[in-house]
């Protein structure tokens, strides 16, 4: 599996307050970004996988909503997260 418990802990400890911080917006956005990158690579090889394409679209929408929430809540945290993840916005 591409996303095991050790990788999740690594993502949460890097972007959250600690390794058990799974609920913060930064942690969730970082996890979605990792999963989106993985699914994007999968779809480059399997372009007819429409179920995965739909899941990817939904995941991008969820990440977008979280980023919009963070933008409205604290613009500085939003800008730091965008820079750290390398997202275009």
PDB file of N, CA and C in Angstrom:
ATOM      1  N   UNK A   1       0.843  -1.181   0.000  1.00  0.00           N
ATOM      2  CA  UNK A   1       0.000   0.000   0.000  1.00  0.00           C
ATOM      3  C   UNK A   1       0.889   1.245   0.000  1.00  0.00           C
ATOM      4  N   UNK A   2       0.474   2.257  -0.699  1.00  0.00           N
ATOM      5  CA  UNK A   2       1.292   3.444  -0.859  1.00  0.00           C
ATOM      6  C   UNK A   2       1.286   4.340   0.370  1.00  0.00           C
ATOM      7  N   UNK A   3       0.285   4.233   1.224  1.00  0.00           N
ATOM      8  CA  UNK A   3       0.170   5.109   2.384  1.00  0.00           C
ATOM      9  C   UNK A   3       0.000   4.264   3.631  1.00  0.00           C
ATOM     10  N   UNK A   4       1.100   3.991   4.301  1.00  0.00           N
ATOM     11  CA  UNK A   4       1.037   3.200   5.520  1.00  0.00           C
ATOM     12  C   UNK A   4       1.054   4.129   6.732  1.00  0.00           C
ATOM     13  N   UNK A   5       0.956   3.544   7.899  1.00  0.00           N
ATOM     14  CA  UNK A   5       0.862   4.323   9.137  1.00  0.00           C
ATOM     15  C   UNK A   5       2.106   5.177   9.365  1.00  0.00           C
ATOM     16  N   UNK A   6       3.264   4.661   9.019  1.00  0.00           N
ATOM     17  CA  UNK A   6       4.503   5.410   9.217  1.00  0.00           C
ATOM     18  C   UNK A   6       4.532   6.676   8.358  1.00  0.00           C
ATOM     19  N   UNK A   7       4.045   6.576   7.133  1.00  0.00           N
ATOM     20  CA  UNK A   7       4.011   7.748   6.249  1.00  0.00           C
ATOM     21  C   UNK A   7       3.037   8.796   6.773  1.00  0.00           C
ATOM     22  N   UNK A   8       1.884   8.347   7.302  1.00  0.00           N
ATOM     23  CA  UNK A   8       0.921   9.284   7.874  1.00  0.00           C
ATOM     24  C   UNK A   8       1.513  10.023   9.060  1.00  0.00           C
ATOM     25  N   UNK A   9       2.187   9.283   9.935  1.00  0.00           N
ATOM     26  CA  UNK A   9       2.814   9.907  11.106  1.00  0.00           C
ATOM     27  C   UNK A   9       3.854  10.929  10.660  1.00  0.00           C
ATOM     28  N   UNK A  10       4.600  10.602   9.624  1.00  0.00           N
ATOM     29  CA  UNK A  10       5.605  11.528   9.095  1.00  0.00           C
ATOM     30  C   UNK A  10       4.949  12.816   8.582  1.00  0.00           C
ATOM     31  N   UNK A  11       3.863  12.681   7.839  1.00  0.00           N
ATOM     32  CA  UNK A  11       3.151  13.848   7.301  1.00  0.00           C
ATOM     33  C   UNK A  11       2.576  14.680   8.436  1.00  0.00           C
ATOM     34  N   UNK A  12       1.934  14.018   9.410  1.00  0.00           N
ATOM     35  CA  UNK A  12       1.307  14.747  10.508  1.00  0.00           C
ATOM     36  C   UNK A  12       2.345  15.448  11.373  1.00  0.00           C
ATOM     37  N   UNK A  13       3.490  14.815  11.594  1.00  0.00           N
ATOM     38  CA  UNK A  13       4.512  15.450  12.426  1.00  0.00           C
ATOM     39  C   UNK A  13       5.174  16.611  11.696  1.00  0.00           C
ATOM     40  N   UNK A  14       5.250  16.533  10.382  1.00  0.00           N
ATOM     41  CA  UNK A  14       5.886  17.608   9.615  1.00  0.00           C
ATOM     42  C   UNK A  14       4.981  18.831   9.497  1.00  0.00           C
ATOM     43  N   UNK A  15       3.695  18.637   9.266  1.00  0.00           N
ATOM     44  CA  UNK A  15       2.799  19.759   9.008  1.00  0.00           C
ATOM     45  C   UNK A  15       1.884  20.097  10.184  1.00  0.00           C
ATOM     46  N   UNK A  16       1.683  19.170  11.103  1.00  0.00           N
ATOM     47  CA  UNK A  16       0.851  19.442  12.260  1.00  0.00           C
ATOM     48  C   UNK A  16       1.691  19.881  13.439  1.00  0.00           C
ATOM     49  N   UNK A  17       1.045  19.972  14.598  1.00  0.00           N
ATOM     50  CA  UNK A  17       1.773  20.357  15.804  1.00  0.00           C
ATOM     51  C   UNK A  17       2.646  19.222  16.307  1.00  0.00           C
ATOM     52  N   UNK A  18       2.152  17.986  16.216  1.00  0.00           N
ATOM     53  CA  UNK A  18       2.922  16.809  16.587  1.00  0.00           C
ATOM     54  C   UNK A  18       2.434  15.629  15.747  1.00  0.00           C
ATOM     55  N   UNK A  19       2.933  14.440  16.039  1.00  0.00           N
ATOM     56  CA  UNK A  19       2.607  13.264  15.230  1.00  0.00           C
ATOM     57  C   UNK A  19       1.156  12.822  15.394  1.00  0.00           C
ATOM     58  N   UNK A  20       0.514  13.204  16.495  1.00  0.00           N
ATOM     59  CA  UNK A  20      -0.876  12.804  16.730  1.00  0.00           C
ATOM     60  C   UNK A  20      -1.872  13.888  16.343  1.00  0.00           C
ATOM     61  N   UNK A  21      -1.403  14.951  15.732  1.00  0.00           N
ATOM     62  CA  UNK A  21      -2.268  16.056  15.318  1.00  0.00           C
ATOM     63  C   UNK A  21      -2.876  15.746  13.955  1.00  0.00           C
ATOM     64  N   UNK A  22      -3.945  14.972  13.962  1.00  0.00           N
ATOM     65  CA  UNK A  22      -4.573  14.569  12.702  1.00  0.00           C
ATOM     66  C   UNK A  22      -5.720  15.477  12.309  1.00  0.00           C
ATOM     67  N   UNK A  23      -6.140  16.360  13.188  1.00  0.00           N
ATOM     68  CA  UNK A  23      -7.330  17.152  12.923  1.00  0.00           C
ATOM     69  C   UNK A  23      -7.079  18.548  12.431  1.00  0.00           C
ATOM     70  N   UNK A  24      -5.854  19.027  12.511  1.00  0.00           N
ATOM     71  CA  UNK A  24      -5.606  20.400  12.074  1.00  0.00           C
ATOM     72  C   UNK A  24      -5.743  20.497  10.559  1.00  0.00           C
ATOM     73  N   UNK A  25      -6.065  21.684  10.124  1.00  0.00           N
ATOM     74  CA  UNK A  25      -6.275  21.915   8.696  1.00  0.00           C
ATOM     75  C   UNK A  25      -4.991  21.648   7.915  1.00  0.00           C
ATOM     76  N   UNK A  26      -3.869  22.063   8.471  1.00  0.00           N
ATOM     77  CA  UNK A  26      -2.597  21.866   7.779  1.00  0.00           C
ATOM     78  C   UNK A  26      -2.298  20.386   7.572  1.00  0.00           C
ATOM     79  N   UNK A  27      -2.552  19.583   8.596  1.00  0.00           N
ATOM     80  CA  UNK A  27      -2.308  18.141   8.490  1.00  0.00           C
ATOM     81  C   UNK A  27      -3.207  17.504   7.444  1.00  0.00           C
ATOM     82  N   UNK A  28      -4.483  17.875   7.458  1.00  0.00           N
ATOM     83  CA  UNK A  28      -5.427  17.296   6.510  1.00  0.00           C
ATOM     84  C   UNK A  28      -5.089  17.688   5.082  1.00  0.00           C
ATOM     85  N   UNK A  29      -4.744  18.951   4.872  1.00  0.00           N
ATOM     86  CA  UNK A  29      -4.390  19.409   3.524  1.00  0.00           C
ATOM     87  C   UNK A  29      -3.127  18.711   3.039  1.00  0.00           C
ATOM     88  N   UNK A  30      -2.153  18.529   3.923  1.00  0.00           N
ATOM     89  CA  UNK A  30      -0.917  17.848   3.541  1.00  0.00           C
ATOM     90  C   UNK A  30      -1.201  16.395   3.158  1.00  0.00           C
ATOM     91  N   UNK A  31      -2.068  15.733   3.912  1.00  0.00           N
ATOM     92  CA  UNK A  31      -2.416  14.351   3.588  1.00  0.00           C
ATOM     93  C   UNK A  31      -3.159  14.267   2.264  1.00  0.00           C
ATOM     94  N   UNK A  32      -4.113  15.175   2.047  1.00  0.00           N
ATOM     95  CA  UNK A  32      -4.823  15.200   0.768  1.00  0.00           C
ATOM     96  C   UNK A  32      -3.855  15.451  -0.382  1.00  0.00           C
ATOM     97  N   UNK A  33      -2.894  16.340  -0.184  1.00  0.00           N
ATOM     98  CA  UNK A  33      -1.928  16.644  -1.246  1.00  0.00           C
ATOM     99  C   UNK A  33      -1.102  15.420  -1.591  1.00  0.00           C
ATOM    100  N   UNK A  34      -0.679  14.673  -0.583  1.00  0.00           N
ATOM    101  CA  UNK A  34       0.092  13.448  -0.838  1.00  0.00           C
ATOM    102  C   UNK A  34      -0.752  12.447  -1.623  1.00  0.00           C
ATOM    103  N   UNK A  35      -1.997  12.258  -1.202  1.00  0.00           N
ATOM    104  CA  UNK A  35      -2.869  11.303  -1.880  1.00  0.00           C
ATOM    105  C   UNK A  35      -3.200  11.755  -3.303  1.00  0.00           C
ATOM    106  N   UNK A  36      -3.398  13.060  -3.504  1.00  0.00           N
ATOM    107  CA  UNK A  36      -3.696  13.593  -4.835  1.00  0.00           C
ATOM    108  C   UNK A  36      -2.507  13.372  -5.771  1.00  0.00           C
ATOM    109  N   UNK A  37      -1.304  13.590  -5.277  1.00  0.00           N
ATOM    110  CA  UNK A  37      -0.118  13.356  -6.106  1.00  0.00           C
ATOM    111  C   UNK A  37      -0.007  11.892  -6.505  1.00  0.00           C
ATOM    112  N   UNK A  38      -0.313  10.998  -5.574  1.00  0.00           N
ATOM    113  CA  UNK A  38      -0.253   9.567  -5.877  1.00  0.00           C
ATOM    114  C   UNK A  38      -1.298   9.185  -6.933  1.00  0.00           C
ATOM    115  N   UNK A  39      -2.523   9.668  -6.757  1.00  0.00           N
ATOM    116  CA  UNK A  39      -3.577   9.326  -7.718  1.00  0.00           C
ATOM    117  C   UNK A  39      -3.315   9.944  -9.089  1.00  0.00           C
ATOM    118  N   UNK A  40      -2.698  11.105  -9.120  1.00  0.00           N
ATOM    119  CA  UNK A  40      -2.361  11.733 -10.395  1.00  0.00           C
ATOM    120  C   UNK A  40      -1.369  10.874 -11.174  1.00  0.00           C
ATOM    121  N   UNK A  41      -0.371  10.366 -10.476  1.00  0.00           N
ATOM    122  CA  UNK A  41       0.589   9.472 -11.131  1.00  0.00           C
ATOM    123  C   UNK A  41      -0.095   8.188 -11.603  1.00  0.00           C
ATOM    124  N   UNK A  42      -1.025   7.669 -10.799  1.00  0.00           N
ATOM    125  CA  UNK A  42      -1.759   6.458 -11.176  1.00  0.00           C
ATOM    126  C   UNK A  42      -2.573   6.700 -12.448  1.00  0.00           C
ATOM    127  N   UNK A  43      -3.213   7.863 -12.536  1.00  0.00           N
ATOM    128  CA  UNK A  43      -4.051   8.148 -13.693  1.00  0.00           C
ATOM    129  C   UNK A  43      -3.246   8.436 -14.958  1.00  0.00           C
ATOM    130  N   UNK A  44      -1.992   8.823 -14.810  1.00  0.00           N
ATOM    131  CA  UNK A  44      -1.155   9.001 -15.995  1.00  0.00           C
ATOM    132  C   UNK A  44      -0.916   7.661 -16.690  1.00  0.00           C
ATOM    133  N   UNK A  45      -0.857   6.598 -15.906  1.00  0.00           N
ATOM    134  CA  UNK A  45      -0.634   5.271 -16.467  1.00  0.00           C
ATOM    135  C   UNK A  45      -1.948   4.573 -16.819  1.00  0.00           C
ATOM    136  N   UNK A  46      -3.017   4.859 -16.074  1.00  0.00           N
ATOM    137  CA  UNK A  46      -4.311   4.189 -16.257  1.00  0.00           C
ATOM    138  C   UNK A  46      -5.382   5.233 -16.543  1.00  0.00           C
ATOM    139  N   UNK A  47      -5.353   5.782 -17.736  1.00  0.00           N
ATOM    140  CA  UNK A  47      -6.238   6.896 -18.055  1.00  0.00           C
ATOM    141  C   UNK A  47      -7.709   6.501 -18.165  1.00  0.00           C
ATOM    142  N   UNK A  48      -8.029   5.222 -18.243  1.00  0.00           N
ATOM    143  CA  UNK A  48      -9.428   4.795 -18.321  1.00  0.00           C
ATOM    144  C   UNK A  48     -10.012   4.411 -16.964  1.00  0.00           C
ATOM    145  N   UNK A  49      -9.298   4.659 -15.896  1.00  0.00           N
ATOM    146  CA  UNK A  49      -9.765   4.341 -14.544  1.00  0.00           C
ATOM    147  C   UNK A  49     -10.669   5.481 -14.061  1.00  0.00           C
ATOM    148  N   UNK A  50     -11.937   5.409 -14.435  1.00  0.00           N
ATOM    149  CA  UNK A  50     -12.856   6.507 -14.179  1.00  0.00           C
ATOM    150  C   UNK A  50     -13.262   6.607 -12.718  1.00  0.00           C
ATOM    151  N   UNK A  51     -13.259   5.510 -11.998  1.00  0.00           N
ATOM    152  CA  UNK A  51     -13.560   5.551 -10.568  1.00  0.00           C
ATOM    153  C   UNK A  51     -12.514   6.320  -9.791  1.00  0.00           C
ATOM    154  N   UNK A  52     -11.266   6.089 -10.130  1.00  0.00           N
ATOM    155  CA  UNK A  52     -10.179   6.815  -9.494  1.00  0.00           C
ATOM    156  C   UNK A  52     -10.196   8.286  -9.898  1.00  0.00           C
ATOM    157  N   UNK A  53     -10.565   8.557 -11.137  1.00  0.00           N
ATOM    158  CA  UNK A  53     -10.648   9.941 -11.594  1.00  0.00           C
ATOM    159  C   UNK A  53     -11.722  10.697 -10.809  1.00  0.00           C
ATOM    160  N   UNK A  54     -12.834  10.041 -10.545  1.00  0.00           N
ATOM    161  CA  UNK A  54     -13.901  10.674  -9.769  1.00  0.00           C
ATOM    162  C   UNK A  54     -13.455  10.897  -8.327  1.00  0.00           C
ATOM    163  N   UNK A  55     -12.771   9.920  -7.744  1.00  0.00           N
ATOM    164  CA  UNK A  55     -12.269  10.060  -6.376  1.00  0.00           C
ATOM    165  C   UNK A  55     -11.249  11.198  -6.297  1.00  0.00           C
ATOM    166  N   UNK A  56     -10.415  11.319  -7.319  1.00  0.00           N
ATOM    167  CA  UNK A  56      -9.429  12.396  -7.352  1.00  0.00           C
ATOM    168  C   UNK A  56     -10.120  13.758  -7.406  1.00  0.00           C
ATOM    169  N   UNK A  57     -11.154  13.875  -8.211  1.00  0.00           N
ATOM    170  CA  UNK A  57     -11.895  15.124  -8.311  1.00  0.00           C
ATOM    171  C   UNK A  57     -12.530  15.499  -6.978  1.00  0.00           C
ATOM    172  N   UNK A  58     -13.117  14.516  -6.285  1.00  0.00           N
ATOM    173  CA  UNK A  58     -13.722  14.783  -4.981  1.00  0.00           C
ATOM    174  C   UNK A  58     -12.670  15.191  -3.959  1.00  0.00           C
ATOM    175  N   UNK A  59     -11.506  14.558  -4.016  1.00  0.00           N
ATOM    176  CA  UNK A  59     -10.441  14.864  -3.072  1.00  0.00           C
ATOM    177  C   UNK A  59      -9.903  16.277  -3.297  1.00  0.00           C
ATOM    178  N   UNK A  60      -9.766  16.677  -4.539  1.00  0.00           N
ATOM    179  CA  UNK A  60      -9.313  18.033  -4.845  1.00  0.00           C
ATOM    180  C   UNK A  60     -10.329  19.047  -4.318  1.00  0.00           C
ATOM    181  N   UNK A  61     -11.612  18.738  -4.443  1.00  0.00           N
ATOM    182  CA  UNK A  61     -12.654  19.620  -3.924  1.00  0.00           C
ATOM    183  C   UNK A  61     -12.602  19.745  -2.409  1.00  0.00           C
ATOM    184  N   UNK A  62     -12.360  18.631  -1.727  1.00  0.00           N
ATOM    185  CA  UNK A  62     -12.251  18.671  -0.262  1.00  0.00           C
ATOM    186  C   UNK A  62     -11.047  19.497   0.174  1.00  0.00           C
ATOM    187  N   UNK A  63      -9.927  19.313  -0.530  1.00  0.00           N
ATOM    188  CA  UNK A  63      -8.733  20.095  -0.199  1.00  0.00           C
ATOM    189  C   UNK A  63      -8.982  21.577  -0.455  1.00  0.00           C
ATOM    190  N   UNK A  64      -9.671  21.873  -1.535  1.00  0.00           N
ATOM    191  CA  UNK A  64      -9.975  23.257  -1.859  1.00  0.00           C
ATOM    192  C   UNK A  64     -10.835  23.912  -0.775  1.00  0.00           C
ATOM    193  N   UNK A  65     -11.817  23.161  -0.257  1.00  0.00           N
ATOM    194  CA  UNK A  65     -12.672  23.696   0.813  1.00  0.00           C
ATOM    195  C   UNK A  65     -11.874  23.954   2.083  1.00  0.00           C
ATOM    196  N   UNK A  66     -10.966  23.041   2.422  1.00  0.00           N
ATOM    197  CA  UNK A  66     -10.138  23.242   3.604  1.00  0.00           C
ATOM    198  C   UNK A  66      -9.211  24.448   3.435  1.00  0.00           C
ATOM    199  N   UNK A  67      -8.651  24.606   2.246  1.00  0.00           N
ATOM    200  CA  UNK A  67      -7.786  25.748   1.992  1.00  0.00           C
ATOM    201  C   UNK A  67      -8.571  27.058   2.036  1.00  0.00           C
ATOM    202  N   UNK A  68      -9.793  27.045   1.556  1.00  0.00           N
ATOM    203  CA  UNK A  68     -10.642  28.231   1.608  1.00  0.00           C
ATOM    204  C   UNK A  68     -10.956  28.591   3.056  1.00  0.00           C
ATOM    205  N   UNK A  69     -11.229  27.578   3.878  1.00  0.00           N
ATOM    206  CA  UNK A  69     -11.480  27.803   5.299  1.00  0.00           C
ATOM    207  C   UNK A  69     -10.257  28.425   5.953  1.00  0.00           C
ATOM    208  N   UNK A  70      -9.081  27.878   5.685  1.00  0.00           N
ATOM    209  CA  UNK A  70      -7.855  28.391   6.280  1.00  0.00           C
ATOM    210  C   UNK A  70      -7.565  29.807   5.792  1.00  0.00           C
ATOM    211  N   UNK A  71      -7.848  30.086   4.539  1.00  0.00           N
ATOM    212  CA  UNK A  71      -7.659  31.423   3.975  1.00  0.00           C
ATOM    213  C   UNK A  71      -8.505  32.441   4.721  1.00  0.00           C
ATOM    214  N   UNK A  72      -9.758  32.090   4.994  1.00  0.00           N
ATOM    215  CA  UNK A  72     -10.654  33.002   5.696  1.00  0.00           C
ATOM    216  C   UNK A  72     -10.330  33.104   7.181  1.00  0.00           C
ATOM    217  N   UNK A  73      -9.777  32.039   7.754  1.00  0.00           N
ATOM    218  CA  UNK A  73      -9.497  31.995   9.190  1.00  0.00           C
ATOM    219  C   UNK A  73      -8.174  32.681   9.537  1.00  0.00           C
ATOM    220  N   UNK A  74      -7.111  32.339   8.821  1.00  0.00           N
ATOM    221  CA  UNK A  74      -5.779  32.876   9.126  1.00  0.00           C
ATOM    222  C   UNK A  74      -4.944  32.889   7.844  1.00  0.00           C
ATOM    223  N   UNK A  75      -4.813  34.065   7.251  1.00  0.00           N
ATOM    224  CA  UNK A  75      -4.150  34.187   5.948  1.00  0.00           C
ATOM    225  C   UNK A  75      -2.665  33.844   6.023  1.00  0.00           C
ATOM    226  N   UNK A  76      -2.017  34.108   7.154  1.00  0.00           N
ATOM    227  CA  UNK A  76      -0.584  33.809   7.268  1.00  0.00           C
ATOM    228  C   UNK A  76      -0.325  32.310   7.281  1.00  0.00           C
ATOM    229  N   UNK A  77      -1.136  31.549   8.035  1.00  0.00           N
ATOM    230  CA  UNK A  77      -0.994  30.090   8.039  1.00  0.00           C
ATOM    231  C   UNK A  77      -1.267  29.528   6.646  1.00  0.00           C
ATOM    232  N   UNK A  78      -2.233  30.104   5.944  1.00  0.00           N
ATOM    233  CA  UNK A  78      -2.565  29.687   4.580  1.00  0.00           C
ATOM    234  C   UNK A  78      -1.359  29.871   3.654  1.00  0.00           C
ATOM    235  N   UNK A  79      -0.747  31.047   3.726  1.00  0.00           N
ATOM    236  CA  UNK A  79       0.392  31.334   2.849  1.00  0.00           C
ATOM    237  C   UNK A  79       1.582  30.431   3.153  1.00  0.00           C
ATOM    238  N   UNK A  80       1.828  30.161   4.441  1.00  0.00           N
ATOM    239  CA  UNK A  80       2.922  29.266   4.815  1.00  0.00           C
ATOM    240  C   UNK A  80       2.675  27.850   4.302  1.00  0.00           C
ATOM    241  N   UNK A  81       1.428  27.385   4.417  1.00  0.00           N
ATOM    242  CA  UNK A  81       1.091  26.038   3.962  1.00  0.00           C
ATOM    243  C   UNK A  81       1.223  25.910   2.450  1.00  0.00           C
ATOM    244  N   UNK A  82       0.745  26.890   1.720  1.00  0.00           N
ATOM    245  CA  UNK A  82       0.827  26.879   0.255  1.00  0.00           C
ATOM    246  C   UNK A  82       2.296  26.822  -0.179  1.00  0.00           C
ATOM    247  N   UNK A  83       3.133  27.610   0.506  1.00  0.00           N
ATOM    248  CA  UNK A  83       4.551  27.629   0.163  1.00  0.00           C
ATOM    249  C   UNK A  83       5.215  26.293   0.509  1.00  0.00           C
ATOM    250  N   UNK A  84       4.869  25.726   1.666  1.00  0.00           N
ATOM    251  CA  UNK A  84       5.489  24.479   2.102  1.00  0.00           C
ATOM    252  C   UNK A  84       5.107  23.306   1.199  1.00  0.00           C
ATOM    253  N   UNK A  85       3.860  23.280   0.746  1.00  0.00           N
ATOM    254  CA  UNK A  85       3.396  22.180  -0.104  1.00  0.00           C
ATOM    255  C   UNK A  85       3.677  22.406  -1.587  1.00  0.00           C
ATOM    256  N   UNK A  86       3.984  23.630  -1.954  1.00  0.00           N
ATOM    257  CA  UNK A  86       4.289  23.920  -3.342  1.00  0.00           C
ATOM    258  C   UNK A  86       3.043  23.960  -4.213  1.00  0.00           C
ATOM    259  N   UNK A  87       1.923  24.418  -3.650  1.00  0.00           N
ATOM    260  CA  UNK A  87       0.682  24.511  -4.407  1.00  0.00           C
ATOM    261  C   UNK A  87       0.615  25.855  -5.121  1.00  0.00           C
ATOM    262  N   UNK A  88      -0.062  25.897  -6.240  1.00  0.00           N
ATOM    263  CA  UNK A  88      -0.218  27.142  -6.992  1.00  0.00           C
ATOM    264  C   UNK A  88      -1.445  27.877  -6.467  1.00  0.00           C
ATOM    265  N   UNK A  89      -1.245  28.986  -5.903  1.00  0.00           N
ATOM    266  CA  UNK A  89      -2.350  29.885  -5.537  1.00  0.00           C
ATOM    267  C   UNK A  89      -1.797  31.193  -5.129  1.00  0.00           C
TER     268      UNK A  89
END
